[in-house]
Amino acid sequence: MEYPDWQGTPNCRSVDSEEFFVPDGSSTYREVKMLKKICSNCEVKKQCLDYSLKNAVFGFWGGTTEYERKLMRNKLNITPKPLYLGYP
C-alpha cells in the first residue's frame, strides 16, 4: 500500500506516531480528545480521511477512529482496499 503524497503539511507531523494507534492490550486510544484536536484544523484532514476510508488502515486517521470509519463506510457504501502488509 502506498501512502498518499499530502498536498499540505499535516498537524500530526510533530506528534509521536504511537499516539495514533491503540496500545497493545487496550481497546481504546490513550488521548482521543487530543487526537481530535490535532486533526480538527489540519490542512490535510480531508485528504487523510478520504485515504483512510478507501484503504483498510489501522489507527486514527482524518480525525476518526477505526470504528467511526467503519460506520461511515457502511453509510456511504464504501468497501476499503485491504491492508497489504508486504507478505506473499
N, C-alpha and C. Protein backbone atom coordinates (compact mmCIF):
# COMPACT_ATOMS: atom_id res chain seq x y z
N MET A 1 0.84 -1.17 0.00
CA MET A 1 0.00 0.00 0.00
C MET A 1 0.90 1.24 0.00
N GLU A 2 0.61 2.14 -0.89
CA GLU A 2 1.36 3.39 -0.93
C GLU A 2 0.63 4.44 -0.12
N TYR A 3 1.40 5.18 0.66
CA TYR A 3 0.78 6.25 1.43
C TYR A 3 0.68 7.49 0.55
N PRO A 4 -0.29 8.31 0.81
CA PRO A 4 -0.53 9.48 -0.05
C PRO A 4 0.58 10.52 0.06
N ASP A 5 0.69 11.28 -1.00
CA ASP A 5 1.59 12.42 -1.02
C ASP A 5 0.73 13.63 -0.66
N TRP A 6 0.72 13.98 0.64
CA TRP A 6 -0.16 15.04 1.11
C TRP A 6 0.10 16.34 0.37
N GLN A 7 -0.96 17.03 0.06
CA GLN A 7 -0.88 18.36 -0.54
C GLN A 7 -1.03 19.37 0.58
N GLY A 8 0.00 19.50 1.39
CA GLY A 8 -0.01 20.36 2.56
C GLY A 8 0.80 19.70 3.66
N THR A 9 0.79 20.32 4.82
CA THR A 9 1.56 19.81 5.94
C THR A 9 0.61 19.32 7.03
N PRO A 10 0.68 18.03 7.38
CA PRO A 10 -0.21 17.52 8.42
C PRO A 10 0.17 18.03 9.82
N ASN A 11 -0.82 18.30 10.64
CA ASN A 11 -0.56 18.75 12.01
C ASN A 11 0.13 17.67 12.83
N CYS A 12 -0.06 16.43 12.47
CA CYS A 12 0.48 15.31 13.26
C CYS A 12 1.96 15.06 13.02
N ARG A 13 2.59 15.79 12.13
CA ARG A 13 3.98 15.53 11.78
C ARG A 13 4.92 15.60 12.97
N SER A 14 4.59 16.38 13.99
CA SER A 14 5.47 16.52 15.14
C SER A 14 4.98 15.74 16.37
N VAL A 15 3.99 14.88 16.18
CA VAL A 15 3.44 14.09 17.28
C VAL A 15 3.95 12.66 17.14
N ASP A 16 4.27 12.02 18.25
CA ASP A 16 4.72 10.64 18.24
C ASP A 16 3.65 9.77 17.57
N SER A 17 4.03 9.06 16.53
CA SER A 17 3.06 8.26 15.77
C SER A 17 2.38 7.19 16.62
N GLU A 18 3.00 6.77 17.69
CA GLU A 18 2.39 5.76 18.58
C GLU A 18 1.07 6.26 19.17
N GLU A 19 0.90 7.57 19.30
CA GLU A 19 -0.33 8.13 19.85
C GLU A 19 -1.54 7.86 18.96
N PHE A 20 -1.29 7.58 17.69
CA PHE A 20 -2.37 7.40 16.73
C PHE A 20 -2.81 5.94 16.58
N PHE A 21 -2.31 5.10 17.47
CA PHE A 21 -2.67 3.68 17.45
C PHE A 21 -3.05 3.22 18.84
N VAL A 22 -3.92 2.23 18.92
CA VAL A 22 -4.36 1.68 20.20
C VAL A 22 -3.19 0.87 20.78
N PRO A 23 -2.83 1.14 22.04
CA PRO A 23 -1.74 0.39 22.66
C PRO A 23 -2.07 -1.11 22.76
N ASP A 24 -1.05 -1.94 22.69
CA ASP A 24 -1.25 -3.39 22.84
C ASP A 24 -2.00 -3.68 24.13
N GLY A 25 -2.96 -4.58 24.03
CA GLY A 25 -3.73 -4.98 25.20
C GLY A 25 -4.83 -4.02 25.59
N SER A 26 -5.04 -2.96 24.80
CA SER A 26 -6.07 -1.98 25.11
C SER A 26 -7.10 -1.97 23.98
N SER A 27 -8.27 -1.44 24.28
CA SER A 27 -9.30 -1.34 23.24
C SER A 27 -9.60 0.11 22.90
N THR A 28 -8.88 1.03 23.52
CA THR A 28 -9.13 2.46 23.26
C THR A 28 -7.81 3.22 23.08
N TYR A 29 -7.93 4.37 22.43
CA TYR A 29 -6.79 5.27 22.26
C TYR A 29 -6.51 5.97 23.59
N ARG A 30 -5.27 6.33 23.81
CA ARG A 30 -4.90 7.00 25.06
C ARG A 30 -5.57 8.36 25.20
N GLU A 31 -5.50 9.14 24.14
CA GLU A 31 -5.95 10.53 24.20
C GLU A 31 -6.79 10.91 22.98
N VAL A 32 -8.01 10.40 22.89
CA VAL A 32 -8.86 10.68 21.74
C VAL A 32 -9.14 12.18 21.60
N LYS A 33 -9.40 12.85 22.72
CA LYS A 33 -9.68 14.30 22.64
C LYS A 33 -8.49 15.05 22.06
N MET A 34 -7.28 14.69 22.47
CA MET A 34 -6.08 15.34 21.95
C MET A 34 -5.95 15.07 20.45
N LEU A 35 -6.18 13.82 20.04
CA LEU A 35 -6.06 13.47 18.63
C LEU A 35 -7.09 14.22 17.79
N LYS A 36 -8.31 14.31 18.27
CA LYS A 36 -9.35 15.04 17.54
C LYS A 36 -9.00 16.53 17.42
N LYS A 37 -8.40 17.07 18.49
CA LYS A 37 -7.99 18.48 18.46
C LYS A 37 -6.87 18.69 17.44
N ILE A 38 -5.90 17.78 17.40
CA ILE A 38 -4.81 17.88 16.43
C ILE A 38 -5.37 17.86 15.01
N CYS A 39 -6.32 16.98 14.77
CA CYS A 39 -6.89 16.83 13.42
C CYS A 39 -7.90 17.92 13.06
N SER A 40 -8.48 18.55 14.06
CA SER A 40 -9.62 19.45 13.81
C SER A 40 -9.34 20.57 12.81
N ASN A 41 -8.19 21.17 12.86
CA ASN A 41 -7.90 22.27 11.93
C ASN A 41 -6.71 21.95 11.02
N CYS A 42 -6.50 20.66 10.77
CA CYS A 42 -5.39 20.23 9.91
C CYS A 42 -5.71 20.50 8.45
N GLU A 43 -4.75 21.02 7.72
CA GLU A 43 -4.99 21.34 6.32
C GLU A 43 -5.07 20.12 5.42
N VAL A 44 -4.67 18.94 5.89
CA VAL A 44 -4.79 17.73 5.08
C VAL A 44 -5.81 16.74 5.65
N LYS A 45 -6.64 17.20 6.58
CA LYS A 45 -7.62 16.32 7.22
C LYS A 45 -8.53 15.64 6.19
N LYS A 46 -9.03 16.37 5.24
CA LYS A 46 -9.94 15.80 4.24
C LYS A 46 -9.22 14.73 3.42
N GLN A 47 -7.99 14.99 3.00
CA GLN A 47 -7.21 14.01 2.24
C GLN A 47 -6.95 12.76 3.08
N CYS A 48 -6.61 12.97 4.33
CA CYS A 48 -6.31 11.89 5.27
C CYS A 48 -7.55 11.02 5.48
N LEU A 49 -8.69 11.65 5.72
CA LEU A 49 -9.92 10.92 5.93
C LEU A 49 -10.31 10.15 4.68
N ASP A 50 -10.22 10.78 3.53
CA ASP A 50 -10.56 10.13 2.27
C ASP A 50 -9.68 8.89 2.07
N TYR A 51 -8.39 9.03 2.31
CA TYR A 51 -7.47 7.91 2.17
C TYR A 51 -7.84 6.77 3.12
N SER A 52 -8.15 7.13 4.37
CA SER A 52 -8.45 6.10 5.37
C SER A 52 -9.80 5.42 5.13
N LEU A 53 -10.72 6.10 4.46
CA LEU A 53 -11.99 5.47 4.11
C LEU A 53 -11.81 4.49 2.96
N LYS A 54 -10.95 4.83 2.02
CA LYS A 54 -10.74 3.99 0.83
C LYS A 54 -9.78 2.83 1.08
N ASN A 55 -8.99 2.91 2.15
CA ASN A 55 -8.00 1.88 2.46
C ASN A 55 -8.21 1.37 3.88
N ALA A 56 -8.08 0.08 4.07
CA ALA A 56 -8.29 -0.54 5.38
C ALA A 56 -7.07 -0.33 6.26
N VAL A 57 -6.91 0.88 6.75
CA VAL A 57 -5.77 1.21 7.60
C VAL A 57 -6.16 1.13 9.08
N PHE A 58 -5.18 0.86 9.90
CA PHE A 58 -5.38 0.86 11.34
C PHE A 58 -5.00 2.22 11.89
N GLY A 59 -5.55 2.56 13.03
CA GLY A 59 -5.16 3.79 13.70
C GLY A 59 -6.14 4.93 13.51
N PHE A 60 -5.73 6.07 13.99
CA PHE A 60 -6.52 7.29 13.99
C PHE A 60 -6.14 8.10 12.76
N TRP A 61 -7.06 8.28 11.83
CA TRP A 61 -6.79 8.98 10.57
C TRP A 61 -7.90 10.00 10.32
N GLY A 62 -7.54 11.18 9.86
CA GLY A 62 -8.54 12.17 9.46
C GLY A 62 -9.54 12.51 10.54
N GLY A 63 -9.11 12.46 11.79
CA GLY A 63 -9.99 12.80 12.90
C GLY A 63 -10.94 11.69 13.31
N THR A 64 -10.70 10.46 12.83
CA THR A 64 -11.62 9.36 13.11
C THR A 64 -10.92 8.12 13.64
N THR A 65 -11.65 7.36 14.44
CA THR A 65 -11.19 6.06 14.89
C THR A 65 -11.57 5.02 13.84
N GLU A 66 -11.03 3.82 13.99
CA GLU A 66 -11.38 2.74 13.08
C GLU A 66 -12.89 2.47 13.11
N TYR A 67 -13.47 2.49 14.29
CA TYR A 67 -14.90 2.24 14.42
C TYR A 67 -15.72 3.33 13.72
N GLU A 68 -15.34 4.58 13.89
CA GLU A 68 -16.07 5.68 13.24
C GLU A 68 -15.99 5.54 11.72
N ARG A 69 -14.83 5.13 11.21
CA ARG A 69 -14.70 4.95 9.76
C ARG A 69 -15.55 3.78 9.27
N LYS A 70 -15.64 2.73 10.08
CA LYS A 70 -16.49 1.59 9.71
C LYS A 70 -17.94 2.04 9.53
N LEU A 71 -18.43 2.86 10.46
CA LEU A 71 -19.79 3.38 10.36
C LEU A 71 -19.95 4.26 9.12
N MET A 72 -18.95 5.10 8.86
CA MET A 72 -19.00 5.98 7.68
C MET A 72 -19.01 5.16 6.40
N ARG A 73 -18.16 4.14 6.33
CA ARG A 73 -18.11 3.29 5.13
C ARG A 73 -19.46 2.61 4.89
N ASN A 74 -20.05 2.11 5.97
CA ASN A 74 -21.37 1.46 5.83
C ASN A 74 -22.40 2.44 5.30
N LYS A 75 -22.41 3.64 5.84
CA LYS A 75 -23.37 4.66 5.41
C LYS A 75 -23.14 5.09 3.97
N LEU A 76 -21.86 5.19 3.57
CA LEU A 76 -21.50 5.66 2.24
C LEU A 76 -21.31 4.53 1.23
N ASN A 77 -21.50 3.28 1.69
CA ASN A 77 -21.32 2.11 0.85
C ASN A 77 -19.92 2.06 0.22
N ILE A 78 -18.91 2.19 1.05
CA ILE A 78 -17.52 2.14 0.61
C ILE A 78 -16.90 0.83 1.08
N THR A 79 -16.27 0.13 0.17
CA THR A 79 -15.51 -1.07 0.51
C THR A 79 -14.03 -0.70 0.41
N PRO A 80 -13.31 -0.71 1.55
CA PRO A 80 -11.91 -0.30 1.52
C PRO A 80 -11.02 -1.35 0.86
N LYS A 81 -9.93 -0.87 0.25
CA LYS A 81 -8.90 -1.79 -0.25
C LYS A 81 -8.29 -2.47 0.97
N PRO A 82 -8.02 -3.78 0.86
CA PRO A 82 -7.43 -4.47 2.02
C PRO A 82 -6.03 -3.95 2.33
N LEU A 83 -5.69 -4.07 3.58
CA LEU A 83 -4.36 -3.66 4.03
C LEU A 83 -3.34 -4.67 3.56
N TYR A 84 -2.32 -4.23 2.87
CA TYR A 84 -1.26 -5.10 2.38
C TYR A 84 -0.06 -4.95 3.31
N LEU A 85 0.34 -6.03 3.93
CA LEU A 85 1.42 -5.98 4.89
C LEU A 85 2.76 -6.41 4.29
N GLY A 86 2.80 -6.64 3.01
CA GLY A 86 4.04 -6.99 2.36
C GLY A 86 4.37 -8.48 2.40
N TYR A 87 3.42 -9.28 2.82
CA TYR A 87 3.64 -10.72 2.86
C TYR A 87 3.20 -11.32 1.54
N PRO A 88 3.86 -12.38 1.10
CA PRO A 88 3.44 -13.01 -0.18
C PRO A 88 2.07 -13.64 -0.09
